[in-house]
Structure formats: C-alpha cells, structure tokens
Amino acid sequence: MAKKSKQKPQTTQTNLEAKTALPVTIRIVLTLLLPFALTLILGSDAGSNAPILGGVGVASWFLGLFWYGLPGMGLRGGRPLFAGIGFATLGWLAFLLFRFSFINLNLNAAESGRSFVYIFLFEAFAVQLWAFGILFRSLAEWRGGLTAAVGSGIAFGAVAFILFQEAFASDLPSLLYFVVWGIFYGIIRLRTGSFLGAMLVQTLHSFTVWVALGPLPVLSPPGRLTTVYLLTGLVYLIVIWRLWPKEEADYRI
C-alpha cells in the first residue's frame, strides 16, 4: 500500500496565501487610500467625524471579506477574544488609575448611551477593522508579523490622534501616546490573532475615562493630561516588551 504523504502545517506568516491575484503592495495602497476616499462620497458632518470613520469601516469590511474572509481579518472569538481582552485591560486599568490621580472628575451622564454607541461603532470597530484587520494582514504578507503589528499600530495611532474625540491636545506627547497605544493593540493582534478583545476594551476605555468620568475639565492644568499620557504610555511599553514575540511560532496572523 502506498504511504500517505504528510502535509506540513502552515504556521508562519511566510506561508500566507492571498485570496486575490492583486499584488500585496497594491492591496496595501488600496487599504490606505480607498477607505478614506469613500468618505468623500459620504460627505462630512460639521462637528462630527462619524462619516469619515464610517466610510473607513464600510470600505474595510468589503475589502476584507473579498480578500481574506472573517477569520483572516482577525475576527476570531473564543480563546483569542478572551486573551485580547485580558491584555488590553491592563492598559485600560493603567489609564483609569492615572486619570483618577491627575485629572479632576466631572461626572456627566447626559447622552452617555449615544456616546457609547458612537465610540463602539466608529472609533473602535471601524478603525480597528481597518488597521488591525486588512492593513495588518496585508503588511504581514508583505514584510511579516512584526512589521504588521508596528505599522498598523502607527496607522491606528495617527487616525486616533487626528479624528478621535479624546484627542484633546495636538502636541508631541499626545501624538506619542496615541502611536504607542496603537502599537500596544498591534502587538495584541499579533499574539492573539484577533482584534475583537482590544476593540471591546477600547470602547470601555474611552467611554469610562472620557464620558462616564466626564470630559477633560477646563480648569485642569494642561500639564496633567500630558502626565497621564506619558505615564500610561510607559505602562503600554512595558506590556509591549512582555508580549513581544520571541520566535515566529508566537505569531497569530
């Protein structure tokens, strides 16, 4: 009897196969341009970035389904979901601690439900689907998992710094905080294979810190927000260091 040939499992990002004939560099360019180009069609709303972020989410959803499918975009539940929640919660608790310590409370429950839905759909799901779904996957096929984690994290941080409601300042410490926050989520995506856990925690993070506890009080000294960002960013860097993969077997693309 002929022996059955054993098929080696594909465990590293070097064995990834695209579901489209488009070169990976073209997919990266389309990922960076098409979602934001769609926002020109949707138009803009004075005082709200919902059309922009909504366009990013809709375009990313259809591009991701066409190229990779749901699991390939990082939409995995079960163990990856709970692992992502556990890691991302460390950053959330750190921010809450420093928020309590340095910025005065200004509790205001007005329109809290509407704010939660906005954060969940637009700032969390839409942006993470774009950054850690299709951009991460395309970068991973191009230059590997670490490039994908760092590159998609920087992209997430840049969008958050420009479009998120919690981007109160436009200085260098704020930019560094958002970039480190994005890389923190990118490493979680790399180690767990899913962005759903980080997406859920991001929603709770932004809602509790800047809605439930009140927006940044006008009377708070500006330096306090910088202190919170720098201290929280340091915690993110420590967790990034602990999660940094030691070998390709640790990658979950």
Protein backbone atom coordinates (compact mmCIF):
# COMPACT_ATOMS: atom_id res chain seq x y z
CA MET A 1 0.00 0.00 0.00
CA ALA A 2 1.24 3.45 -0.82
CA LYS A 3 2.08 5.60 2.13
CA LYS A 4 0.01 8.66 2.66
CA SER A 5 2.01 11.81 2.28
CA LYS A 6 2.02 14.07 5.31
CA GLN A 7 1.15 17.66 4.71
CA LYS A 8 3.15 20.13 6.77
CA PRO A 9 1.00 22.68 8.58
CA GLN A 10 1.49 26.28 7.62
CA THR A 11 2.34 28.02 10.87
CA THR A 12 4.26 31.16 9.94
CA GLN A 13 3.44 34.33 8.13
CA THR A 14 5.79 33.34 5.30
CA ASN A 15 3.27 30.68 4.23
CA LEU A 16 0.31 33.05 3.97
CA GLU A 17 -1.56 32.87 0.69
CA ALA A 18 -3.65 35.76 -0.56
CA LYS A 19 -7.16 35.11 -1.83
CA THR A 20 -6.73 37.62 -4.61
CA ALA A 21 -4.49 37.95 -7.61
CA LEU A 22 -3.63 41.53 -6.67
CA PRO A 23 -0.01 42.00 -5.56
CA VAL A 24 0.30 42.68 -1.85
CA THR A 25 1.78 46.13 -2.43
CA ILE A 26 -1.30 47.10 -4.44
CA ARG A 27 -3.53 45.84 -1.64
CA ILE A 28 -1.61 47.97 0.88
CA VAL A 29 -2.06 51.07 -1.26
CA LEU A 30 -5.77 50.34 -1.70
CA THR A 31 -6.12 49.77 2.03
CA LEU A 32 -4.56 53.13 2.77
CA LEU A 33 -6.48 55.10 0.13
CA LEU A 34 -9.88 53.55 -0.63
CA PRO A 35 -11.49 53.75 2.84
CA PHE A 36 -10.69 57.43 3.16
CA ALA A 37 -11.66 58.12 -0.44
CA LEU A 38 -15.10 56.70 0.33
CA THR A 39 -15.57 59.41 2.94
CA LEU A 40 -15.53 61.98 0.13
CA ILE A 41 -18.63 60.27 -1.26
CA LEU A 42 -20.34 60.13 2.13
CA GLY A 43 -19.56 63.77 2.75
CA SER A 44 -18.77 65.41 6.05
CA ASP A 45 -20.75 66.49 9.07
CA ALA A 46 -19.75 69.64 10.89
CA GLY A 47 -18.68 68.80 14.43
CA SER A 48 -18.58 65.01 13.88
CA ASN A 49 -16.11 62.60 12.34
CA ALA A 50 -18.75 59.85 12.04
CA PRO A 51 -18.95 59.99 8.20
CA ILE A 52 -15.17 59.69 7.88
CA LEU A 53 -14.83 56.82 10.34
CA GLY A 54 -17.98 55.18 8.99
CA GLY A 55 -16.57 55.26 5.47
CA VAL A 56 -13.37 53.66 6.74
CA GLY A 57 -15.34 50.87 8.39
CA VAL A 58 -17.64 50.13 5.43
CA ALA A 59 -14.81 50.06 2.88
CA SER A 60 -12.64 47.92 5.16
CA TRP A 61 -15.45 45.42 5.69
CA PHE A 62 -15.99 44.74 2.00
CA LEU A 63 -12.30 44.75 1.10
CA GLY A 64 -11.57 42.36 3.95
CA LEU A 65 -14.37 39.96 3.02
CA PHE A 66 -13.21 39.91 -0.59
CA TRP A 67 -9.52 39.41 0.20
CA TYR A 68 -9.32 37.39 3.43
CA GLY A 69 -12.67 36.38 4.93
CA LEU A 70 -13.73 36.93 8.53
CA PRO A 71 -11.05 34.83 10.30
CA GLY A 72 -8.34 36.30 8.09
CA MET A 73 -9.30 39.80 9.20
CA GLY A 74 -8.79 38.94 12.86
CA LEU A 75 -12.47 38.48 13.70
CA ARG A 76 -11.88 35.44 15.90
CA GLY A 77 -13.79 34.65 19.04
CA GLY A 78 -13.16 32.11 21.75
CA ARG A 79 -9.67 31.94 23.22
CA PRO A 80 -8.17 34.73 21.03
CA LEU A 81 -11.02 37.03 22.07
CA PHE A 82 -10.54 36.47 25.81
CA ALA A 83 -6.76 36.67 25.55
CA GLY A 84 -7.06 40.02 23.78
CA ILE A 85 -9.45 41.29 26.45
CA GLY A 86 -7.03 40.27 29.19
CA PHE A 87 -4.02 42.02 27.65
CA ALA A 88 -5.89 45.19 26.63
CA THR A 89 -7.46 45.51 30.08
CA LEU A 90 -4.01 46.10 31.56
CA GLY A 91 -3.72 49.31 29.56
CA TRP A 92 -7.28 50.35 30.38
CA LEU A 93 -6.76 49.95 34.15
CA ALA A 94 -3.50 51.90 33.98
CA PHE A 95 -5.22 54.82 32.24
CA LEU A 96 -8.07 54.77 34.75
CA LEU A 97 -5.59 54.89 37.64
CA PHE A 98 -3.70 57.88 36.26
CA ARG A 99 -6.95 59.60 35.23
CA PHE A 100 -8.18 59.38 38.81
CA SER A 101 -4.84 60.58 40.14
CA PHE A 102 -4.17 63.64 37.99
CA ILE A 103 -7.40 64.91 36.39
CA ASN A 104 -10.42 66.12 38.33
CA LEU A 105 -13.70 64.28 37.95
CA ASN A 106 -16.56 65.98 36.13
CA LEU A 107 -19.33 63.39 36.13
CA ASN A 108 -21.99 63.90 33.47
CA ALA A 109 -24.36 61.15 32.34
CA ALA A 110 -26.03 63.18 29.59
CA GLU A 111 -26.21 61.30 26.27
CA SER A 112 -23.92 58.57 27.64
CA GLY A 113 -25.74 55.85 25.69
CA ARG A 114 -25.32 57.71 22.41
CA SER A 115 -21.64 58.31 23.17
CA PHE A 116 -21.09 54.61 23.89
CA VAL A 117 -22.61 53.58 20.55
CA TYR A 118 -20.52 56.16 18.71
CA ILE A 119 -17.28 55.01 20.33
CA PHE A 120 -18.09 51.33 19.75
CA LEU A 121 -19.09 51.61 16.08
CA PHE A 122 -16.85 54.37 14.79
CA GLU A 123 -13.76 54.86 16.95
CA ALA A 124 -13.32 51.22 17.98
CA PHE A 125 -14.78 48.79 15.43
CA ALA A 126 -14.36 50.80 12.22
CA VAL A 127 -10.79 51.93 12.89
CA GLN A 128 -9.58 48.62 14.31
CA LEU A 129 -11.15 46.71 11.41
CA TRP A 130 -9.17 48.91 9.05
CA ALA A 131 -5.89 48.97 10.99
CA PHE A 132 -5.73 45.52 12.59
CA GLY A 133 -7.94 43.74 10.09
CA ILE A 134 -7.00 44.42 6.48
CA LEU A 135 -3.93 46.68 6.91
CA PHE A 136 -2.33 44.31 9.42
CA ARG A 137 -2.96 41.28 7.21
CA SER A 138 -1.59 42.98 4.09
CA LEU A 139 1.54 44.19 5.88
CA ALA A 140 2.05 40.70 7.35
CA GLU A 141 2.08 39.18 3.87
CA TRP A 142 4.46 41.87 2.69
CA ARG A 143 7.06 42.05 5.49
CA GLY A 144 5.98 39.72 8.28
CA GLY A 145 4.14 39.86 11.58
CA LEU A 146 6.24 42.38 13.49
CA THR A 147 6.11 44.88 10.64
CA ALA A 148 2.35 44.38 10.55
CA ALA A 149 1.96 44.94 14.29
CA VAL A 150 4.08 48.09 14.38
CA GLY A 151 2.91 49.51 11.04
CA SER A 152 -0.79 49.01 11.68
CA GLY A 153 -0.32 50.34 15.21
CA ILE A 154 1.25 53.55 13.91
CA ALA A 155 -1.61 53.92 11.41
CA PHE A 156 -4.18 53.42 14.19
CA GLY A 157 -2.41 55.99 16.37
CA ALA A 158 -2.29 58.56 13.58
CA VAL A 159 -6.02 58.23 12.85
CA ALA A 160 -6.83 58.36 16.57
CA PHE A 161 -4.69 61.47 17.05
CA ILE A 162 -6.47 63.27 14.21
CA LEU A 163 -10.07 62.02 14.42
CA PHE A 164 -10.87 60.65 17.89
CA GLN A 165 -12.90 62.75 20.33
CA GLU A 166 -10.38 62.13 23.11
CA ALA A 167 -7.53 63.79 21.17
CA PHE A 168 -7.70 66.94 23.32
CA ALA A 169 -4.20 68.22 22.54
CA SER A 170 -2.14 68.45 19.34
CA ASP A 171 1.30 68.33 20.92
CA LEU A 172 4.12 65.81 20.64
CA PRO A 173 3.39 63.91 23.91
CA SER A 174 -0.19 63.33 22.76
CA LEU A 175 0.98 62.05 19.37
CA LEU A 176 3.48 59.70 21.03
CA TYR A 177 0.79 58.40 23.36
CA PHE A 178 -1.61 57.55 20.53
CA VAL A 179 1.14 55.86 18.49
CA VAL A 180 2.26 53.73 21.46
CA TRP A 181 -1.40 52.91 22.18
CA GLY A 182 -1.76 51.70 18.60
CA ILE A 183 1.40 49.57 18.71
CA PHE A 184 0.16 48.11 22.01
CA TYR A 185 -3.02 46.95 20.25
CA GLY A 186 -1.00 45.80 17.23
CA ILE A 187 1.13 43.50 19.39
CA ILE A 188 -2.04 42.12 20.99
CA ARG A 189 -3.39 41.43 17.49
CA LEU A 190 -0.15 39.64 16.58
CA ARG A 191 -0.04 37.49 19.70
CA THR A 192 -3.73 36.53 19.81
CA GLY A 193 -4.79 36.51 16.15
CA SER A 194 -7.84 38.67 16.90
CA PHE A 195 -8.57 42.35 17.39
CA LEU A 196 -12.03 41.84 18.89
CA GLY A 197 -10.81 41.79 22.50
CA ALA A 198 -8.84 45.01 22.11
CA MET A 199 -11.77 46.58 20.27
CA LEU A 200 -14.18 45.85 23.12
CA VAL A 201 -11.74 47.13 25.74
CA GLN A 202 -11.03 50.25 23.69
CA THR A 203 -14.76 51.03 23.78
CA LEU A 204 -14.89 50.65 27.56
CA HIS A 205 -11.60 52.50 27.92
CA SER A 206 -12.72 55.61 26.02
CA PHE A 207 -16.25 55.54 27.45
CA THR A 208 -15.27 55.25 31.11
CA VAL A 209 -12.29 57.62 31.00
CA TRP A 210 -13.77 60.45 28.88
CA VAL A 211 -17.56 60.04 29.15
CA ALA A 212 -18.52 58.36 32.44
CA LEU A 213 -15.85 60.29 34.38
CA GLY A 214 -16.51 63.44 32.41
CA PRO A 215 -14.55 65.14 29.63
CA LEU A 216 -11.29 66.91 30.30
CA PRO A 217 -12.20 69.69 32.76
CA VAL A 218 -11.38 73.18 31.57
CA LEU A 219 -9.87 74.07 34.94
CA SER A 220 -7.36 71.19 34.94
CA PRO A 221 -3.80 72.35 34.22
CA PRO A 222 -2.77 71.28 30.68
CA GLY A 223 0.31 69.53 32.05
CA ARG A 224 -1.82 66.97 33.84
CA LEU A 225 -3.09 65.46 30.61
CA THR A 226 0.49 65.21 29.36
CA THR A 227 1.46 63.45 32.60
CA VAL A 228 -1.37 60.95 32.21
CA TYR A 229 -0.39 60.25 28.59
CA LEU A 230 3.31 59.77 29.41
CA LEU A 231 2.71 57.50 32.41
CA THR A 232 0.13 55.40 30.58
CA GLY A 233 2.38 55.17 27.53
CA LEU A 234 5.14 53.85 29.78
CA VAL A 235 2.80 51.09 31.00
CA TYR A 236 1.93 50.27 27.38
CA LEU A 237 5.65 49.97 26.56
CA ILE A 238 6.19 47.58 29.47
CA VAL A 239 3.32 45.35 28.31
CA ILE A 240 4.60 45.54 24.71
CA TRP A 241 8.00 44.39 25.94
CA ARG A 242 6.45 41.46 27.80
CA LEU A 243 4.27 40.46 24.82
CA TRP A 244 6.99 40.92 22.20
CA PRO A 245 7.20 37.57 20.34
CA LYS A 246 10.47 35.70 20.73
CA GLU A 247 10.02 33.50 17.65
CA GLU A 248 7.74 33.11 14.64
CA ALA A 249 5.79 30.36 16.39
CA ASP A 250 4.35 33.08 18.62
CA TYR A 251 2.75 34.86 15.66
CA ARG A 252 -1.00 34.58 15.17
CA ILE A 253 -1.65 36.22 11.81
